[in-house]
C-alpha atoms as a PDB file:
ATOM      1  CA  MET A   1      11.018   2.287  -7.732  1.00  0.00           C
ATOM      2  CA  LYS A   2      11.869   5.839  -9.339  1.00  0.00           C
ATOM      3  CA  GLN A   3      10.920   4.427 -12.946  1.00  0.00           C
ATOM      4  CA  ILE A   4       7.547   3.531 -11.619  1.00  0.00           C
ATOM      5  CA  CYS A   5       7.299   7.125 -10.385  1.00  0.00           C
ATOM      6  CA  ARG A   6       8.223   8.394 -13.703  1.00  0.00           C
ATOM      7  CA  ILE A   7       5.504   6.201 -15.550  1.00  0.00           C
ATOM      8  CA  ILE A   8       2.774   7.071 -13.138  1.00  0.00           C
ATOM      9  CA  ILE A   9       3.630  11.212 -13.528  1.00  0.00           C
ATOM     10  CA  ALA A  10       3.819  10.441 -17.536  1.00  0.00           C
ATOM     11  CA  ILE A  11       0.609   9.071 -17.447  1.00  0.00           C
ATOM     12  CA  CYS A  12      -1.164  11.664 -15.225  1.00  0.00           C
ATOM     13  CA  LEU A  13      -0.043  14.752 -16.151  1.00  0.00           C
ATOM     14  CA  PRO A  14      -1.958  14.829 -19.539  1.00  0.00           C
ATOM     15  CA  LEU A  15      -5.055  13.811 -17.818  1.00  0.00           C
ATOM     16  CA  LEU A  16      -4.463  16.638 -15.139  1.00  0.00           C
ATOM     17  CA  PHE A  17      -4.554  19.403 -17.430  1.00  0.00           C
ATOM     18  CA  CYS A  18      -7.090  17.996 -20.088  1.00  0.00           C
ATOM     19  CA  ALA A  19      -9.408  16.711 -18.119  1.00  0.00           C
ATOM     20  CA  PRO A  20     -12.948  19.012 -17.954  1.00  0.00           C
ATOM     21  CA  ALA A  21     -14.415  19.914 -14.826  1.00  0.00           C
ATOM     22  CA  ASN A  22     -17.618  17.692 -13.655  1.00  0.00           C
ATOM     23  CA  ALA A  23     -20.237  17.240 -11.427  1.00  0.00           C
ATOM     24  CA  GLN A  24     -19.347  15.512  -7.879  1.00  0.00           C
ATOM     25  CA  HIS A  25     -20.353  12.102  -7.835  1.00  0.00           C
ATOM     26  CA  SER A  26     -22.121  10.675  -4.902  1.00  0.00           C
ATOM     27  CA  GLY A  27     -23.338   6.883  -4.154  1.00  0.00           C
ATOM     28  CA  PRO A  28     -21.549   3.428  -4.622  1.00  0.00           C
ATOM     29  CA  PHE A  29     -18.157   3.275  -6.708  1.00  0.00           C
ATOM     30  CA  VAL A  30     -15.563   0.412  -7.454  1.00  0.00           C
ATOM     31  CA  GLY A  31     -12.011   0.975  -8.200  1.00  0.00           C
ATOM     32  CA  ALA A  32      -8.433  -0.574  -9.320  1.00  0.00           C
ATOM     33  CA  PHE A  33      -5.156   0.602  -8.613  1.00  0.00           C
ATOM     34  CA  ILE A  34      -1.454  -0.320  -9.290  1.00  0.00           C
ATOM     35  CA  GLY A  35       1.693   1.056  -8.154  1.00  0.00           C
ATOM     36  CA  GLY A  36       5.098   0.603  -6.586  1.00  0.00           C
ATOM     37  CA  ASN A  37       5.844   0.307  -2.690  1.00  0.00           C
ATOM     38  CA  SER A  38       9.196   0.768  -0.958  1.00  0.00           C
ATOM     39  CA  LEU A  39       9.421  -1.629   2.274  1.00  0.00           C
ATOM     40  CA  LEU A  40      11.653  -0.068   4.764  1.00  0.00           C
ATOM     41  CA  ASN A  41      14.465  -1.964   6.290  1.00  0.00           C
ATOM     42  CA  ALA A  42      12.960  -4.146   8.652  1.00  0.00           C
ATOM     43  CA  LYS A  43      14.398  -4.891  12.453  1.00  0.00           C
ATOM     44  CA  GLY A  44      14.216  -8.759  12.860  1.00  0.00           C
ATOM     45  CA  SER A  45      14.975 -10.326  16.349  1.00  0.00           C
ATOM     46  CA  ASP A  46      14.973 -13.953  17.594  1.00  0.00           C
ATOM     47  CA  ASP A  47      16.408 -16.059  20.437  1.00  0.00           C
ATOM     48  CA  GLN A  48      19.981 -15.534  18.871  1.00  0.00           C
ATOM     49  CA  GLY A  49      19.966 -11.837  18.860  1.00  0.00           C
ATOM     50  CA  ASP A  50      18.862  -8.758  16.417  1.00  0.00           C
ATOM     51  CA  PHE A  51      19.642  -8.706  12.288  1.00  0.00           C
ATOM     52  CA  ARG A  52      18.334  -6.434  10.142  1.00  0.00           C
ATOM     53  CA  LEU A  53      16.437  -7.274   6.645  1.00  0.00           C
ATOM     54  CA  SER A  54      16.652  -5.076   3.520  1.00  0.00           C
ATOM     55  CA  PHE A  55      14.337  -5.513   0.214  1.00  0.00           C
ATOM     56  CA  LYS A  56      14.111  -4.304  -3.302  1.00  0.00           C
ATOM     57  CA  PRO A  57      10.977  -2.152  -4.340  1.00  0.00           C
ATOM     58  CA  GLY A  58       8.201  -4.036  -5.551  1.00  0.00           C
ATOM     59  CA  PHE A  59       4.869  -3.538  -7.254  1.00  0.00           C
ATOM     60  CA  GLN A  60       1.316  -3.750  -5.658  1.00  0.00           C
ATOM     61  CA  GLY A  61      -2.319  -3.959  -6.747  1.00  0.00           C
ATOM     62  CA  SER A  62      -5.619  -2.955  -5.150  1.00  0.00           C
ATOM     63  CA  ALA A  63      -9.560  -3.084  -5.601  1.00  0.00           C
ATOM     64  CA  VAL A  64     -11.868  -1.023  -3.565  1.00  0.00           C
ATOM     65  CA  LEU A  65     -15.471  -1.211  -2.911  1.00  0.00           C
ATOM     66  CA  GLY A  66     -16.563   2.381  -1.718  1.00  0.00           C
ATOM     67  CA  TRP A  67     -19.067   4.831  -0.907  1.00  0.00           C
ATOM     68  CA  ASP A  68     -18.833   8.776  -1.901  1.00  0.00           C
ATOM     69  CA  PHE A  69     -20.487  10.989   0.564  1.00  0.00           C
ATOM     70  CA  GLU A  70     -23.358  13.314  -0.681  1.00  0.00           C
ATOM     71  CA  PRO A  71     -22.111  17.155  -0.741  1.00  0.00           C
ATOM     72  CA  GLY A  72     -23.352  18.772   2.498  1.00  0.00           C
ATOM     73  CA  ASN A  73     -23.791  15.652   4.404  1.00  0.00           C
ATOM     74  CA  PRO A  74     -23.328  15.525   8.189  1.00  0.00           C
ATOM     75  CA  LEU A  75     -20.020  13.557   7.768  1.00  0.00           C
ATOM     76  CA  GLY A  76     -18.484  15.795   5.596  1.00  0.00           C
ATOM     77  CA  GLU A  77     -17.209  15.731   2.018  1.00  0.00           C
ATOM     78  CA  GLY A  78     -15.447  12.306   1.246  1.00  0.00           C
ATOM     79  CA  ARG A  79     -15.801   8.897   0.945  1.00  0.00           C
ATOM     80  CA  ALA A  80     -15.368   5.721   2.780  1.00  0.00           C
ATOM     81  CA  GLU A  81     -13.882   2.235   0.964  1.00  0.00           C
ATOM     82  CA  LEU A  82     -13.347  -1.331   1.622  1.00  0.00           C
ATOM     83  CA  GLU A  83      -9.592  -1.857   0.126  1.00  0.00           C
ATOM     84  CA  TYR A  84      -7.620  -5.158  -0.702  1.00  0.00           C
ATOM     85  CA  THR A  85      -4.301  -4.658  -1.566  1.00  0.00           C
ATOM     86  CA  ARG A  86      -1.450  -7.272  -2.218  1.00  0.00           C
ATOM     87  CA  ARG A  87       2.206  -6.065  -2.145  1.00  0.00           C
ATOM     88  CA  SER A  88       5.323  -7.904  -2.782  1.00  0.00           C
ATOM     89  CA  ASN A  89       8.914  -7.091  -2.034  1.00  0.00           C
ATOM     90  CA  PRO A  90      11.911  -9.493  -2.952  1.00  0.00           C
ATOM     91  CA  LEU A  91      14.738  -9.982   0.084  1.00  0.00           C
ATOM     92  CA  ASP A  92      17.647  -8.266  -0.901  1.00  0.00           C
ATOM     93  CA  GLN A  93      20.267  -8.799   2.152  1.00  0.00           C
ATOM     94  CA  VAL A  94      20.301  -9.955   5.515  1.00  0.00           C
ATOM     95  CA  LYS A  95      22.579  -8.218   8.087  1.00  0.00           C
ATOM     96  CA  PHE A  96      23.918  -9.778  11.268  1.00  0.00           C
ATOM     97  CA  VAL A  97      26.542  -8.744  13.737  1.00  0.00           C
ATOM     98  CA  GLU A  98      28.792 -11.359  11.820  1.00  0.00           C
ATOM     99  CA  GLY A  99      28.118  -9.151   8.551  1.00  0.00           C
ATOM    100  CA  SER A 100      25.752  -8.812   5.422  1.00  0.00           C
ATOM    101  CA  PHE A 101      24.676 -11.926   3.308  1.00  0.00           C
ATOM    102  CA  THR A 102      22.663 -12.267   0.294  1.00  0.00           C
ATOM    103  CA  GLY A 103      18.718 -12.576   0.651  1.00  0.00           C
ATOM    104  CA  GLY A 104      16.245 -14.531  -1.474  1.00  0.00           C
ATOM    105  CA  GLY A 105      12.584 -15.098  -1.545  1.00  0.00           C
ATOM    106  CA  THR A 106      10.143 -12.558  -0.986  1.00  0.00           C
ATOM    107  CA  VAL A 107       7.819 -11.184   1.685  1.00  0.00           C
ATOM    108  CA  VAL A 108       4.260 -10.914   0.597  1.00  0.00           C
ATOM    109  CA  SER A 109       1.553  -8.582   2.239  1.00  0.00           C
ATOM    110  CA  ASP A 110      -2.438  -9.303   1.457  1.00  0.00           C
ATOM    111  CA  SER A 111      -4.410  -6.620   3.373  1.00  0.00           C
ATOM    112  CA  LEU A 112      -7.989  -5.558   4.046  1.00  0.00           C
ATOM    113  CA  MET A 113      -8.592  -1.990   5.102  1.00  0.00           C
ATOM    114  CA  LEU A 114     -11.612  -0.008   6.016  1.00  0.00           C
ATOM    115  CA  ASN A 115     -10.482   3.574   4.677  1.00  0.00           C
ATOM    116  CA  PHE A 116     -12.064   6.961   5.234  1.00  0.00           C
ATOM    117  CA  PHE A 117     -10.776   9.868   3.054  1.00  0.00           C
ATOM    118  CA  GLY A 118     -11.683  13.502   3.489  1.00  0.00           C
ATOM    119  CA  VAL A 119     -11.905  15.081  -0.115  1.00  0.00           C
ATOM    120  CA  PHE A 120     -11.434  18.803  -0.602  1.00  0.00           C
ATOM    121  CA  HIS A 121     -13.674  20.070  -3.897  1.00  0.00           C
ATOM    122  CA  ASP A 122     -13.731  23.418  -4.849  1.00  0.00           C
ATOM    123  CA  GLY A 123     -15.416  23.361  -8.387  1.00  0.00           C
ATOM    124  CA  GLY A 124     -12.208  22.602 -10.435  1.00  0.00           C
ATOM    125  CA  ARG A 125     -11.253  19.418 -12.040  1.00  0.00           C
ATOM    126  CA  TRP A 126      -9.182  18.248  -9.515  1.00  0.00           C
ATOM    127  CA  ALA A 127      -9.753  17.660  -5.593  1.00  0.00           C
ATOM    128  CA  PRO A 128      -7.074  17.003  -2.792  1.00  0.00           C
ATOM    129  CA  TYR A 129      -7.868  14.512  -0.290  1.00  0.00           C
ATOM    130  CA  ILE A 130      -6.384  13.196   2.950  1.00  0.00           C
ATOM    131  CA  GLY A 131      -7.203  10.296   5.390  1.00  0.00           C
ATOM    132  CA  GLY A 132      -6.417   6.961   6.759  1.00  0.00           C
ATOM    133  CA  GLY A 133      -7.479   3.080   7.550  1.00  0.00           C
ATOM    134  CA  VAL A 134      -7.118   0.421   9.646  1.00  0.00           C
ATOM    135  CA  GLY A 135      -7.573  -3.331   8.931  1.00  0.00           C
ATOM    136  CA  ALA A 136      -5.454  -6.368   9.004  1.00  0.00           C
ATOM    137  CA  THR A 137      -2.805  -8.051   6.587  1.00  0.00           C
ATOM    138  CA  ARG A 138      -1.394 -11.544   6.225  1.00  0.00           C
ATOM    139  CA  ILE A 139       2.088 -11.184   6.162  1.00  0.00           C
ATOM    140  CA  GLU A 140       3.696 -14.197   4.220  1.00  0.00           C
ATOM    141  CA  ALA A 141       7.564 -15.068   4.395  1.00  0.00           C
ATOM    142  CA  SER A 142       7.658 -16.904   1.026  1.00  0.00           C
ATOM    143  CA  SER A 143      10.844 -19.027   0.806  1.00  0.00           C
ATOM    144  CA  LEU A 144      13.300 -16.375   3.071  1.00  0.00           C
ATOM    145  CA  LYS A 145      16.840 -17.334   2.165  1.00  0.00           C
ATOM    146  CA  VAL A 146      20.230 -16.300   3.541  1.00  0.00           C
ATOM    147  CA  ASP A 147      23.224 -16.843   1.631  1.00  0.00           C
ATOM    148  CA  GLY A 148      21.200 -19.760  -0.332  1.00  0.00           C
ATOM    149  CA  GLN A 149      20.003 -21.208   2.892  1.00  0.00           C
ATOM    150  CA  THR A 150      16.282 -21.370   3.607  1.00  0.00           C
ATOM    151  CA  MET A 151      15.313 -19.252   6.639  1.00  0.00           C
ATOM    152  CA  SER A 152      11.603 -18.903   6.832  1.00  0.00           C
ATOM    153  CA  SER A 153       8.224 -20.389   5.069  1.00  0.00           C
ATOM    154  CA  ASP A 154       5.709 -19.015   7.271  1.00  0.00           C
ATOM    155  CA  SER A 155       2.867 -16.385   7.485  1.00  0.00           C
ATOM    156  CA  ALA A 156       0.966 -14.641  10.177  1.00  0.00           C
ATOM    157  CA  ILE A 157      -2.390 -12.327  10.304  1.00  0.00           C
ATOM    158  CA  VAL A 158      -1.377  -8.890  12.088  1.00  0.00           C
ATOM    159  CA  PHE A 159      -3.269  -5.384  12.784  1.00  0.00           C
ATOM    160  CA  ALA A 160      -2.260  -3.026  10.228  1.00  0.00           C
ATOM    161  CA  TYR A 161      -2.939   0.815   9.529  1.00  0.00           C
ATOM    162  CA  GLN A 162      -2.362   3.412   6.846  1.00  0.00           C
ATOM    163  CA  LEU A 163      -2.125   7.230   6.276  1.00  0.00           C
ATOM    164  CA  GLY A 164      -2.764   8.578   2.777  1.00  0.00           C
ATOM    165  CA  ALA A 165      -2.990  11.598   0.654  1.00  0.00           C
ATOM    166  CA  GLY A 166      -3.265  12.441  -3.294  1.00  0.00           C
ATOM    167  CA  PHE A 167      -5.774  14.042  -5.447  1.00  0.00           C
ATOM    168  CA  ASP A 168      -8.750  12.836  -7.709  1.00  0.00           C
ATOM    169  CA  VAL A 169      -9.059  14.032 -11.388  1.00  0.00           C
ATOM    170  CA  ALA A 170     -12.791  14.285 -12.279  1.00  0.00           C
ATOM    171  CA  LEU A 171     -12.577  12.459 -16.283  1.00  0.00           C
ATOM    172  CA  THR A 172     -16.339  12.251 -16.497  1.00  0.00           C
ATOM    173  CA  ASP A 173     -19.265  12.365 -13.941  1.00  0.00           C
ATOM    174  CA  TYR A 174     -18.570   9.020 -13.086  1.00  0.00           C
ATOM    175  CA  LEU A 175     -15.042   8.244 -13.550  1.00  0.00           C
ATOM    176  CA  ASN A 176     -12.054   9.519 -11.419  1.00  0.00           C
ATOM    177  CA  LEU A 177      -8.549   9.338 -11.750  1.00  0.00           C
ATOM    178  CA  ASP A 178      -6.702   8.859  -8.223  1.00  0.00           C
ATOM    179  CA  LEU A 179      -3.154   9.451  -7.515  1.00  0.00           C
ATOM    180  CA  GLY A 180      -2.024   9.005  -4.325  1.00  0.00           C
ATOM    181  CA  TYR A 181       0.547   8.121  -1.590  1.00  0.00           C
ATOM    182  CA  ARG A 182       0.260   5.883   1.085  1.00  0.00           C
ATOM    183  CA  PHE A 183       2.136   5.144   4.424  1.00  0.00           C
ATOM    184  CA  PHE A 184       1.368   1.359   5.505  1.00  0.00           C
ATOM    185  CA  GLY A 185       2.357  -0.539   8.310  1.00  0.00           C
ATOM    186  CA  SER A 186       1.661  -2.943  10.684  1.00  0.00           C
ATOM    187  CA  THR A 187       2.380  -4.481  14.146  1.00  0.00           C
ATOM    188  CA  SER A 188       5.262  -6.969  14.014  1.00  0.00           C
ATOM    189  CA  PRO A 189       4.427 -10.764  12.746  1.00  0.00           C
ATOM    190  CA  LYS A 190       5.684 -13.614  14.527  1.00  0.00           C
ATOM    191  CA  LEU A 191       7.284 -16.149  11.964  1.00  0.00           C
ATOM    192  CA  SER A 192       8.721 -19.366  12.232  1.00  0.00           C
ATOM    193  CA  GLU A 193      12.353 -20.235  11.354  1.00  0.00           C
ATOM    194  CA  VAL A 194      13.807 -23.459  10.068  1.00  0.00           C
ATOM    195  CA  GLY A 195      14.869 -25.406  13.074  1.00  0.00           C
ATOM    196  CA  GLY A 196      11.895 -24.509  15.293  1.00  0.00           C
ATOM    197  CA  ARG A 197      13.181 -20.696  16.415  1.00  0.00           C
ATOM    198  CA  SER A 198      10.984 -18.244  15.601  1.00  0.00           C
ATOM    199  CA  PHE A 199      11.248 -14.177  14.887  1.00  0.00           C
ATOM    200  CA  LYS A 200       9.544 -10.986  14.617  1.00  0.00           C
ATOM    201  CA  MET A 201       9.989  -8.459  12.104  1.00  0.00           C
ATOM    202  CA  ASP A 202       9.000  -4.955  11.542  1.00  0.00           C
ATOM    203  CA  TYR A 203       6.426  -4.106   8.264  1.00  0.00           C
ATOM    204  CA  PHE A 204       6.762  -0.278   7.046  1.00  0.00           C
ATOM    205  CA  SER A 205       6.290   0.670   3.326  1.00  0.00           C
ATOM    206  CA  HIS A 206       5.835   3.751   1.347  1.00  0.00           C
ATOM    207  CA  ASN A 207       3.629   3.630  -1.570  1.00  0.00           C
ATOM    208  CA  VAL A 208       2.688   5.371  -4.667  1.00  0.00           C
ATOM    209  CA  ILE A 209      -0.437   4.625  -6.637  1.00  0.00           C
ATOM    210  CA  LEU A 210      -2.628   5.323  -9.728  1.00  0.00           C
ATOM    211  CA  GLY A 211      -6.219   4.368  -9.964  1.00  0.00           C
ATOM    212  CA  LEU A 212      -9.648   4.395 -11.334  1.00  0.00           C
ATOM    213  CA  ARG A 213     -12.884   4.759  -9.719  1.00  0.00           C
ATOM    214  CA  VAL A 214     -15.963   4.200 -11.450  1.00  0.00           C
ATOM    215  CA  GLY A 215     -19.069   5.427  -9.748  1.00  0.00           C
ATOM    216  CA  PHE A 216     -22.764   3.918 -10.355  1.00  0.00           C
END
């Protein structure tokens, strides 16, 4: 995760200080993002008791389709967008009462979110923003293993939400660089275990993203 953050900062700093100020875009846009995410330790539970899952940091990719509001409109300055994101995190360890065991497999989230961000323009080359979104995510336990033994291969669709902040850098009148942070969470998915039991787990993650939005 630290390496991902360093790469994003190295790319953004030259653009931040060299990009000229441009006219504020209004109208439709499309965008693409890459980034890294840290999935928080998750509490799991089944009919045998509670356990804890820890994950390695992973990569993510997003695509957005949205609309930049015109300056002075009644809704305020900002944008609305529909966002698809795929996140993937390898399972590192699973901790039971008996002790910790090596994990395997991945947890994958495919989310579709409706976001609203307020953008604060001051006439300069960059503009901070803050907002959030709601939607749904499909969380998949892809061949999760505990100490080499298969634990689960199942998926569930649950309600999801996110909060975000960051800044836009106007590269041209129609091209914006977006560097941001997202906190993403969902209700607990219910997944089937091998052997017929089922378990629930938390899903909360910190995300750092870098993207380009193109207006048209």
